[in-house]
PDB file of N, CA and C in Angstrom:
ATOM      1  N   MET A   1       1.566  -9.791  -7.546  1.00  0.00           N
ATOM      2  CA  MET A   1       1.504  -8.835  -6.465  1.00  0.00           C
ATOM      3  C   MET A   1       2.892  -8.272  -6.210  1.00  0.00           C
ATOM      4  N   PRO A   2       2.951  -7.010  -5.786  1.00  0.00           N
ATOM      5  CA  PRO A   2       4.255  -6.430  -5.545  1.00  0.00           C
ATOM      6  C   PRO A   2       4.945  -7.091  -4.362  1.00  0.00           C
ATOM      7  N   ASP A   3       6.266  -7.049  -4.395  1.00  0.00           N
ATOM      8  CA  ASP A   3       7.049  -7.577  -3.284  1.00  0.00           C
ATOM      9  C   ASP A   3       7.130  -6.488  -2.230  1.00  0.00           C
ATOM     10  N   ARG A   4       6.246  -6.548  -1.238  1.00  0.00           N
ATOM     11  CA  ARG A   4       6.257  -5.520  -0.204  1.00  0.00           C
ATOM     12  C   ARG A   4       6.248  -6.170   1.160  1.00  0.00           C
ATOM     13  N   THR A   5       6.753  -5.446   2.115  1.00  0.00           N
ATOM     14  CA  THR A   5       6.742  -5.917   3.492  1.00  0.00           C
ATOM     15  C   THR A   5       6.010  -4.884   4.335  1.00  0.00           C
ATOM     16  N   TYR A   6       5.392  -5.358   5.391  1.00  0.00           N
ATOM     17  CA  TYR A   6       4.586  -4.477   6.224  1.00  0.00           C
ATOM     18  C   TYR A   6       5.273  -4.079   7.517  1.00  0.00           C
ATOM     19  N   CYS A   7       6.537  -4.433   7.665  1.00  0.00           N
ATOM     20  CA  CYS A   7       7.322  -3.959   8.795  1.00  0.00           C
ATOM     21  C   CYS A   7       8.799  -4.141   8.475  1.00  0.00           C
ATOM     22  N   THR A   8       9.634  -3.545   9.285  1.00  0.00           N
ATOM     23  CA  THR A   8      11.077  -3.703   9.134  1.00  0.00           C
ATOM     24  C   THR A   8      11.582  -4.657  10.207  1.00  0.00           C
ATOM     25  N   ILE A   9      12.823  -5.094  10.066  1.00  0.00           N
ATOM     26  CA  ILE A   9      13.431  -5.949  11.090  1.00  0.00           C
ATOM     27  C   ILE A   9      13.469  -5.210  12.421  1.00  0.00           C
ATOM     28  N   ALA A  10      13.846  -3.932  12.403  1.00  0.00           N
ATOM     29  CA  ALA A  10      13.928  -3.147  13.647  1.00  0.00           C
ATOM     30  C   ALA A  10      12.555  -3.057  14.328  1.00  0.00           C
ATOM     31  N   GLU A  11      11.494  -2.867  13.540  1.00  0.00           N
ATOM     32  CA  GLU A  11      10.147  -2.802  14.118  1.00  0.00           C
ATOM     33  C   GLU A  11       9.750  -4.140  14.730  1.00  0.00           C
ATOM     34  N   LEU A  12      10.086  -5.232  14.045  1.00  0.00           N
ATOM     35  CA  LEU A  12       9.761  -6.562  14.564  1.00  0.00           C
ATOM     36  C   LEU A  12      10.482  -6.824  15.876  1.00  0.00           C
ATOM     37  N   VAL A  13      11.767  -6.533  15.912  1.00  0.00           N
ATOM     38  CA  VAL A  13      12.558  -6.757  17.129  1.00  0.00           C
ATOM     39  C   VAL A  13      12.016  -5.904  18.270  1.00  0.00           C
ATOM     40  N   ALA A  14      11.692  -4.629  17.995  1.00  0.00           N
ATOM     41  CA  ALA A  14      11.144  -3.750  19.034  1.00  0.00           C
ATOM     42  C   ALA A  14       9.799  -4.261  19.536  1.00  0.00           C
ATOM     43  N   ASP A  15       8.951  -4.752  18.626  1.00  0.00           N
ATOM     44  CA  ASP A  15       7.639  -5.263  19.030  1.00  0.00           C
ATOM     45  C   ASP A  15       7.739  -6.537  19.848  1.00  0.00           C
ATOM     46  N   LEU A  16       8.731  -7.369  19.557  1.00  0.00           N
ATOM     47  CA  LEU A  16       8.886  -8.622  20.297  1.00  0.00           C
ATOM     48  C   LEU A  16       9.354  -8.383  21.726  1.00  0.00           C
ATOM     49  N   ARG A  17      10.095  -7.317  21.928  1.00  0.00           N
ATOM     50  CA  ARG A  17      10.609  -6.950  23.259  1.00  0.00           C
ATOM     51  C   ARG A  17      11.186  -8.165  23.988  1.00  0.00           C
ATOM     52  N   GLN A  18      12.033  -8.873  23.302  1.00  0.00           N
ATOM     53  CA  GLN A  18      12.658 -10.062  23.882  1.00  0.00           C
ATOM     54  C   GLN A  18      13.676  -9.665  24.955  1.00  0.00           C
ATOM     55  N   PRO A  19      13.791 -10.465  26.003  1.00  0.00           N
ATOM     56  CA  PRO A  19      14.831 -10.178  26.998  1.00  0.00           C
ATOM     57  C   PRO A  19      16.206 -10.330  26.353  1.00  0.00           C
ATOM     58  N   ALA A  20      17.196  -9.790  27.026  1.00  0.00           N
ATOM     59  CA  ALA A  20      18.559  -9.856  26.495  1.00  0.00           C
ATOM     60  C   ALA A  20      18.910 -11.296  26.152  1.00  0.00           C
ATOM     61  N   GLY A  21      19.543 -11.460  25.038  1.00  0.00           N
ATOM     62  CA  GLY A  21      19.912 -12.789  24.577  1.00  0.00           C
ATOM     63  C   GLY A  21      20.681 -12.654  23.294  1.00  0.00           C
ATOM     64  N   PRO A  22      20.803 -13.741  22.559  1.00  0.00           N
ATOM     65  CA  PRO A  22      21.551 -13.667  21.309  1.00  0.00           C
ATOM     66  C   PRO A  22      20.866 -12.728  20.311  1.00  0.00           C
ATOM     67  N   GLU A  23      21.684 -12.072  19.513  1.00  0.00           N
ATOM     68  CA  GLU A  23      21.161 -11.201  18.465  1.00  0.00           C
ATOM     69  C   GLU A  23      20.317 -12.027  17.489  1.00  0.00           C
ATOM     70  N   PRO A  24      19.185 -11.488  17.063  1.00  0.00           N
ATOM     71  CA  PRO A  24      18.371 -12.245  16.102  1.00  0.00           C
ATOM     72  C   PRO A  24      19.084 -12.332  14.751  1.00  0.00           C
ATOM     73  N   ASP A  25      18.861 -13.420  14.074  1.00  0.00           N
ATOM     74  CA  ASP A  25      19.422 -13.624  12.735  1.00  0.00           C
ATOM     75  C   ASP A  25      18.574 -12.825  11.753  1.00  0.00           C
ATOM     76  N   GLU A  26      19.165 -11.789  11.137  1.00  0.00           N
ATOM     77  CA  GLU A  26      18.396 -10.901  10.268  1.00  0.00           C
ATOM     78  C   GLU A  26      17.804 -11.616   9.060  1.00  0.00           C
ATOM     79  N   ALA A  27      18.526 -12.569   8.509  1.00  0.00           N
ATOM     80  CA  ALA A  27      18.004 -13.304   7.344  1.00  0.00           C
ATOM     81  C   ALA A  27      16.753 -14.088   7.726  1.00  0.00           C
ATOM     82  N   THR A  28      16.772 -14.716   8.888  1.00  0.00           N
ATOM     83  CA  THR A  28      15.604 -15.474   9.363  1.00  0.00           C
ATOM     84  C   THR A  28      14.426 -14.536   9.619  1.00  0.00           C
ATOM     85  N   LEU A  29      14.705 -13.394  10.269  1.00  0.00           N
ATOM     86  CA  LEU A  29      13.638 -12.431  10.538  1.00  0.00           C
ATOM     87  C   LEU A  29      13.046 -11.891   9.237  1.00  0.00           C
ATOM     88  N   MET A  30      13.908 -11.610   8.249  1.00  0.00           N
ATOM     89  CA  MET A  30      13.409 -11.081   6.974  1.00  0.00           C
ATOM     90  C   MET A  30      12.551 -12.109   6.251  1.00  0.00           C
ATOM     91  N   ARG A  31      12.933 -13.384   6.315  1.00  0.00           N
ATOM     92  CA  ARG A  31      12.094 -14.433   5.713  1.00  0.00           C
ATOM     93  C   ARG A  31      10.729 -14.474   6.394  1.00  0.00           C
ATOM     94  N   ALA A  32      10.710 -14.344   7.717  1.00  0.00           N
ATOM     95  CA  ALA A  32       9.442 -14.366   8.454  1.00  0.00           C
ATOM     96  C   ALA A  32       8.586 -13.153   8.091  1.00  0.00           C
ATOM     97  N   ILE A  33       9.210 -11.987   7.960  1.00  0.00           N
ATOM     98  CA  ILE A  33       8.478 -10.779   7.581  1.00  0.00           C
ATOM     99  C   ILE A  33       7.875 -10.948   6.191  1.00  0.00           C
ATOM    100  N   ARG A  34       8.669 -11.445   5.238  1.00  0.00           N
ATOM    101  CA  ARG A  34       8.166 -11.637   3.868  1.00  0.00           C
ATOM    102  C   ARG A  34       7.037 -12.666   3.836  1.00  0.00           C
ATOM    103  N   HIS A  35       7.195 -13.757   4.596  1.00  0.00           N
ATOM    104  CA  HIS A  35       6.151 -14.787   4.643  1.00  0.00           C
ATOM    105  C   HIS A  35       4.852 -14.192   5.198  1.00  0.00           C
ATOM    106  N   ALA A  36       4.952 -13.445   6.300  1.00  0.00           N
ATOM    107  CA  ALA A  36       3.758 -12.840   6.901  1.00  0.00           C
ATOM    108  C   ALA A  36       3.145 -11.804   5.956  1.00  0.00           C
ATOM    109  N   SER A  37       3.968 -11.001   5.310  1.00  0.00           N
ATOM    110  CA  SER A  37       3.473  -9.984   4.380  1.00  0.00           C
ATOM    111  C   SER A  37       2.778 -10.631   3.184  1.00  0.00           C
ATOM    112  N   ASP A  38       3.363 -11.699   2.652  1.00  0.00           N
ATOM    113  CA  ASP A  38       2.731 -12.421   1.545  1.00  0.00           C
ATOM    114  C   ASP A  38       1.381 -13.000   1.976  1.00  0.00           C
ATOM    115  N   PHE A  39       1.323 -13.534   3.197  1.00  0.00           N
ATOM    116  CA  PHE A  39       0.072 -14.075   3.728  1.00  0.00           C
ATOM    117  C   PHE A  39      -0.992 -12.986   3.791  1.00  0.00           C
ATOM    118  N   ILE A  40      -0.610 -11.805   4.282  1.00  0.00           N
ATOM    119  CA  ILE A  40      -1.554 -10.688   4.366  1.00  0.00           C
ATOM    120  C   ILE A  40      -2.058 -10.318   2.978  1.00  0.00           C
ATOM    121  N   ASP A  41      -1.139 -10.217   2.013  1.00  0.00           N
ATOM    122  CA  ASP A  41      -1.556  -9.881   0.645  1.00  0.00           C
ATOM    123  C   ASP A  41      -2.505 -10.918   0.061  1.00  0.00           C
ATOM    124  N   ARG A  42      -2.214 -12.199   0.284  1.00  0.00           N
ATOM    125  CA  ARG A  42      -3.089 -13.255  -0.244  1.00  0.00           C
ATOM    126  C   ARG A  42      -4.445 -13.232   0.449  1.00  0.00           C
ATOM    127  N   ARG A  43      -4.463 -12.987   1.736  1.00  0.00           N
ATOM    128  CA  ARG A  43      -5.687 -13.042   2.517  1.00  0.00           C
ATOM    129  C   ARG A  43      -6.582 -11.818   2.301  1.00  0.00           C
ATOM    130  N   LEU A  44      -5.959 -10.634   2.262  1.00  0.00           N
ATOM    131  CA  LEU A  44      -6.731  -9.397   2.170  1.00  0.00           C
ATOM    132  C   LEU A  44      -6.819  -8.839   0.767  1.00  0.00           C
ATOM    133  N   GLY A  45      -6.027  -9.359  -0.141  1.00  0.00           N
ATOM    134  CA  GLY A  45      -6.025  -8.808  -1.485  1.00  0.00           C
ATOM    135  C   GLY A  45      -4.937  -7.775  -1.643  1.00  0.00           C
ATOM    136  N   GLN A  46      -5.184  -6.850  -2.559  1.00  0.00           N
ATOM    137  CA  GLN A  46      -4.138  -5.915  -2.939  1.00  0.00           C
ATOM    138  C   GLN A  46      -3.877  -4.818  -1.930  1.00  0.00           C
ATOM    139  N   PHE A  47      -4.739  -4.662  -0.962  1.00  0.00           N
ATOM    140  CA  PHE A  47      -4.450  -3.510  -0.135  1.00  0.00           C
ATOM    141  C   PHE A  47      -4.987  -3.599   1.259  1.00  0.00           C
ATOM    142  N   ILE A  48      -4.337  -2.824   2.108  1.00  0.00           N
ATOM    143  CA  ILE A  48      -4.757  -2.652   3.493  1.00  0.00           C
ATOM    144  C   ILE A  48      -5.247  -1.217   3.599  1.00  0.00           C
ATOM    145  N   PRO A  49      -6.457  -0.993   4.114  1.00  0.00           N
ATOM    146  CA  PRO A  49      -6.983   0.375   4.167  1.00  0.00           C
ATOM    147  C   PRO A  49      -6.068   1.333   4.920  1.00  0.00           C
ATOM    148  N   GLU A  50      -5.933   2.527   4.373  1.00  0.00           N
ATOM    149  CA  GLU A  50      -5.161   3.589   5.005  1.00  0.00           C
ATOM    150  C   GLU A  50      -5.736   4.916   4.549  1.00  0.00           C
ATOM    151  N   THR A  51      -5.500   5.935   5.325  1.00  0.00           N
ATOM    152  CA  THR A  51      -5.862   7.282   4.927  1.00  0.00           C
ATOM    153  C   THR A  51      -4.589   7.959   4.471  1.00  0.00           C
ATOM    154  N   ALA A  52      -4.596   8.449   3.242  1.00  0.00           N
ATOM    155  CA  ALA A  52      -3.372   9.033   2.698  1.00  0.00           C
ATOM    156  C   ALA A  52      -3.698  10.035   1.612  1.00  0.00           C
ATOM    157  N   THR A  53      -2.790  10.957   1.427  1.00  0.00           N
ATOM    158  CA  THR A  53      -2.850  11.874   0.296  1.00  0.00           C
ATOM    159  C   THR A  53      -1.905  11.324  -0.756  1.00  0.00           C
ATOM    160  N   ARG A  54      -2.387  11.212  -1.976  1.00  0.00           N
ATOM    161  CA  ARG A  54      -1.551  10.641  -3.044  1.00  0.00           C
ATOM    162  C   ARG A  54      -1.565  11.568  -4.243  1.00  0.00           C
ATOM    163  N   TRP A  55      -0.432  11.630  -4.925  1.00  0.00           N
ATOM    164  CA  TRP A  55      -0.293  12.451  -6.114  1.00  0.00           C
ATOM    165  C   TRP A  55       0.023  11.555  -7.289  1.00  0.00           C
ATOM    166  N   PHE A  56      -0.539  11.880  -8.442  1.00  0.00           N
ATOM    167  CA  PHE A  56      -0.291  11.117  -9.659  1.00  0.00           C
ATOM    168  C   PHE A  56       0.009  12.082 -10.792  1.00  0.00           C
ATOM    169  N   ASP A  57       0.913  11.699 -11.641  1.00  0.00           N
ATOM    170  CA  ASP A  57       1.207  12.464 -12.847  1.00  0.00           C
ATOM    171  C   ASP A  57       0.535  11.760 -14.010  1.00  0.00           C
ATOM    172  N   GLY A  58      -0.309  12.471 -14.712  1.00  0.00           N
ATOM    173  CA  GLY A  58      -0.953  11.903 -15.882  1.00  0.00           C
ATOM    174  C   GLY A  58      -0.008  11.939 -17.078  1.00  0.00           C
ATOM    175  N   ASN A  59      -0.414  11.259 -18.123  1.00  0.00           N
ATOM    176  CA  ASN A  59       0.411  11.226 -19.335  1.00  0.00           C
ATOM    177  C   ASN A  59      -0.291  11.925 -20.499  1.00  0.00           C
ATOM    178  N   GLY A  60      -1.282  12.737 -20.194  1.00  0.00           N
ATOM    179  CA  GLY A  60      -2.018  13.436 -21.237  1.00  0.00           C
ATOM    180  C   GLY A  60      -3.200  12.647 -21.774  1.00  0.00           C
ATOM    181  N   GLU A  61      -3.327  11.393 -21.372  1.00  0.00           N
ATOM    182  CA  GLU A  61      -4.451  10.566 -21.810  1.00  0.00           C
ATOM    183  C   GLU A  61      -5.690  10.891 -20.982  1.00  0.00           C
ATOM    184  N   ARG A  62      -6.819  10.452 -21.457  1.00  0.00           N
ATOM    185  CA  ARG A  62      -8.079  10.688 -20.759  1.00  0.00           C
ATOM    186  C   ARG A  62      -8.188   9.854 -19.481  1.00  0.00           C
ATOM    187  N   ASP A  63      -7.673   8.619 -19.518  1.00  0.00           N
ATOM    188  CA  ASP A  63      -7.781   7.706 -18.374  1.00  0.00           C
ATOM    189  C   ASP A  63      -6.501   7.708 -17.550  1.00  0.00           C
ATOM    190  N   LEU A  64      -6.664   7.654 -16.240  1.00  0.00           N
ATOM    191  CA  LEU A  64      -5.537   7.528 -15.326  1.00  0.00           C
ATOM    192  C   LEU A  64      -5.829   6.331 -14.429  1.00  0.00           C
ATOM    193  N   PHE A  65      -5.018   5.303 -14.524  1.00  0.00           N
ATOM    194  CA  PHE A  65      -5.213   4.090 -13.732  1.00  0.00           C
ATOM    195  C   PHE A  65      -4.371   4.182 -12.472  1.00  0.00           C
ATOM    196  N   ILE A  66      -5.030   4.018 -11.323  1.00  0.00           N
ATOM    197  CA  ILE A  66      -4.355   4.086 -10.033  1.00  0.00           C
ATOM    198  C   ILE A  66      -4.627   2.806  -9.263  1.00  0.00           C
ATOM    199  N   ASP A  67      -3.925   2.634  -8.157  1.00  0.00           N
ATOM    200  CA  ASP A  67      -4.149   1.477  -7.298  1.00  0.00           C
ATOM    201  C   ASP A  67      -5.561   1.534  -6.716  1.00  0.00           C
ATOM    202  N   PRO A  68      -6.098   0.382  -6.308  1.00  0.00           N
ATOM    203  CA  PRO A  68      -7.449   0.365  -5.736  1.00  0.00           C
ATOM    204  C   PRO A  68      -7.575   1.314  -4.541  1.00  0.00           C
ATOM    205  N   CYS A  69      -8.764   1.884  -4.367  1.00  0.00           N
ATOM    206  CA  CYS A  69      -9.027   2.753  -3.228  1.00  0.00           C
ATOM    207  C   CYS A  69     -10.471   2.554  -2.777  1.00  0.00           C
ATOM    208  N   LEU A  70     -10.734   2.849  -1.518  1.00  0.00           N
ATOM    209  CA  LEU A  70     -12.089   2.728  -0.981  1.00  0.00           C
ATOM    210  C   LEU A  70     -12.917   3.970  -1.248  1.00  0.00           C
ATOM    211  N   ALA A  71     -12.279   5.126  -1.153  1.00  0.00           N
ATOM    212  CA  ALA A  71     -13.011   6.384  -1.321  1.00  0.00           C
ATOM    213  C   ALA A  71     -12.048   7.468  -1.786  1.00  0.00           C
ATOM    214  N   VAL A  72     -12.617   8.453  -2.453  1.00  0.00           N
ATOM    215  CA  VAL A  72     -11.868   9.624  -2.888  1.00  0.00           C
ATOM    216  C   VAL A  72     -12.481  10.830  -2.186  1.00  0.00           C
ATOM    217  N   THR A  73     -11.642  11.622  -1.557  1.00  0.00           N
ATOM    218  CA  THR A  73     -12.116  12.819  -0.874  1.00  0.00           C
ATOM    219  C   THR A  73     -12.083  14.031  -1.792  1.00  0.00           C
ATOM    220  N   ALA A  74     -11.010  14.149  -2.573  1.00  0.00           N
ATOM    221  CA  ALA A  74     -10.880  15.294  -3.480  1.00  0.00           C
ATOM    222  C   ALA A  74      -9.963  14.921  -4.637  1.00  0.00           C
ATOM    223  N   VAL A  75     -10.227  15.528  -5.784  1.00  0.00           N
ATOM    224  CA  VAL A  75      -9.376  15.365  -6.958  1.00  0.00           C
ATOM    225  C   VAL A  75      -9.077  16.754  -7.487  1.00  0.00           C
ATOM    226  N   THR A  76      -7.802  17.005  -7.777  1.00  0.00           N
ATOM    227  CA  THR A  76      -7.422  18.276  -8.386  1.00  0.00           C
ATOM    228  C   THR A  76      -6.558  18.013  -9.607  1.00  0.00           C
ATOM    229  N   ASP A  77      -6.571  18.960 -10.512  1.00  0.00           N
ATOM    230  CA  ASP A  77      -5.729  18.892 -11.712  1.00  0.00           C
ATOM    231  C   ASP A  77      -4.977  20.217 -11.797  1.00  0.00           C
ATOM    232  N   ASP A  78      -3.691  20.175 -11.554  1.00  0.00           N
ATOM    233  CA  ASP A  78      -2.867  21.392 -11.520  1.00  0.00           C
ATOM    234  C   ASP A  78      -3.470  22.447 -10.601  1.00  0.00           C
ATOM    235  N   GLY A  79      -3.969  22.010  -9.437  1.00  0.00           N
ATOM    236  CA  GLY A  79      -4.535  22.930  -8.456  1.00  0.00           C
ATOM    237  C   GLY A  79      -5.999  23.247  -8.639  1.00  0.00           C
ATOM    238  N   ASP A  80      -6.589  22.864  -9.773  1.00  0.00           N
ATOM    239  CA  ASP A  80      -8.013  23.110 -10.011  1.00  0.00           C
ATOM    240  C   ASP A  80      -8.832  21.932  -9.492  1.00  0.00           C
ATOM    241  N   ALA A  81      -9.860  22.231  -8.702  1.00  0.00           N
ATOM    242  CA  ALA A  81     -10.719  21.180  -8.157  1.00  0.00           C
ATOM    243  C   ALA A  81     -11.523  20.522  -9.268  1.00  0.00           C
ATOM    244  N   ILE A  82     -11.616  19.203  -9.212  1.00  0.00           N
ATOM    245  CA  ILE A  82     -12.430  18.417 -10.130  1.00  0.00           C
ATOM    246  C   ILE A  82     -13.602  17.875  -9.315  1.00  0.00           C
ATOM    247  N   THR A  83     -14.833  18.112  -9.771  1.00  0.00           N
ATOM    248  CA  THR A  83     -15.994  17.639  -9.016  1.00  0.00           C
ATOM    249  C   THR A  83     -16.214  16.150  -9.277  1.00  0.00           C
ATOM    250  N   ALA A  84     -16.962  15.535  -8.387  1.00  0.00           N
ATOM    251  CA  ALA A  84     -17.229  14.089  -8.491  1.00  0.00           C
ATOM    252  C   ALA A  84     -17.994  13.744  -9.766  1.00  0.00           C
ATOM    253  N   THR A  85     -18.677  14.709 -10.365  1.00  0.00           N
ATOM    254  CA  THR A  85     -19.387  14.432 -11.618  1.00  0.00           C
ATOM    255  C   THR A  85     -18.455  14.479 -12.831  1.00  0.00           C
ATOM    256  N   GLN A  86     -17.214  14.915 -12.613  1.00  0.00           N
ATOM    257  CA  GLN A  86     -16.262  15.043 -13.713  1.00  0.00           C
ATOM    258  C   GLN A  86     -15.281  13.870 -13.817  1.00  0.00           C
ATOM    259  N   TYR A  87     -15.393  12.902 -12.932  1.00  0.00           N
ATOM    260  CA  TYR A  87     -14.537  11.712 -13.020  1.00  0.00           C
ATOM    261  C   TYR A  87     -15.343  10.484 -12.620  1.00  0.00           C
ATOM    262  N   ARG A  88     -14.857   9.327 -13.028  1.00  0.00           N
ATOM    263  CA  ARG A  88     -15.495   8.049 -12.696  1.00  0.00           C
ATOM    264  C   ARG A  88     -14.473   7.105 -12.108  1.00  0.00           C
ATOM    265  N   LEU A  89     -14.913   6.333 -11.152  1.00  0.00           N
ATOM    266  CA  LEU A  89     -14.068   5.309 -10.555  1.00  0.00           C
ATOM    267  C   LEU A  89     -14.570   3.946 -11.048  1.00  0.00           C
ATOM    268  N   TYR A  90     -13.679   3.118 -11.497  1.00  0.00           N
ATOM    269  CA  TYR A  90     -14.040   1.785 -11.970  1.00  0.00           C
ATOM    270  C   TYR A  90     -13.314   0.729 -11.155  1.00  0.00           C
ATOM    271  N   PRO A  91     -13.877  -0.472 -11.059  1.00  0.00           N
ATOM    272  CA  PRO A  91     -13.193  -1.550 -10.339  1.00  0.00           C
ATOM    273  C   PRO A  91     -11.959  -2.017 -11.111  1.00  0.00           C
ATOM    274  N   PRO A  92     -11.003  -2.640 -10.425  1.00  0.00           N
ATOM    275  CA  PRO A  92      -9.806  -3.149 -11.115  1.00  0.00           C
ATOM    276  C   PRO A  92     -10.195  -4.087 -12.255  1.00  0.00           C
ATOM    277  N   GLY A  93      -9.477  -4.004 -13.345  1.00  0.00           N
ATOM    278  CA  GLY A  93      -9.722  -4.871 -14.481  1.00  0.00           C
ATOM    279  C   GLY A  93     -10.766  -4.359 -15.451  1.00  0.00           C
ATOM    280  N   HIS A  94     -11.458  -3.294 -15.087  1.00  0.00           N
ATOM    281  CA  HIS A  94     -12.489  -2.726 -15.961  1.00  0.00           C
ATOM    282  C   HIS A  94     -11.824  -1.939 -17.078  1.00  0.00           C
ATOM    283  N   ARG A  95     -12.283  -2.086 -18.264  1.00  0.00           N
ATOM    284  CA  ARG A  95     -11.757  -1.318 -19.399  1.00  0.00           C
ATOM    285  C   ARG A  95     -12.898  -0.712 -20.151  1.00  0.00           C
TER     286      ARG A  95
END
């Protein structure tokens, strides 16, 4: 799984809204963020649902492998719309 974190130290500190006191140790906070992020990845799998627009560059091959997704709203190729009958979605690991 990729090494990703789901928040920054600044976001964590802002969310905690701790009263004035000693500055938090950034190394400790980063370890906690990584531990929590790893837990989320292990528990939920490869992804957390989000709505996003994503762009991919193909390599001229027929198949384009992308990260898992729940749904596709639209597909275009150089600005040309591709209909749902012109592409197939397969589960991860399918060849």
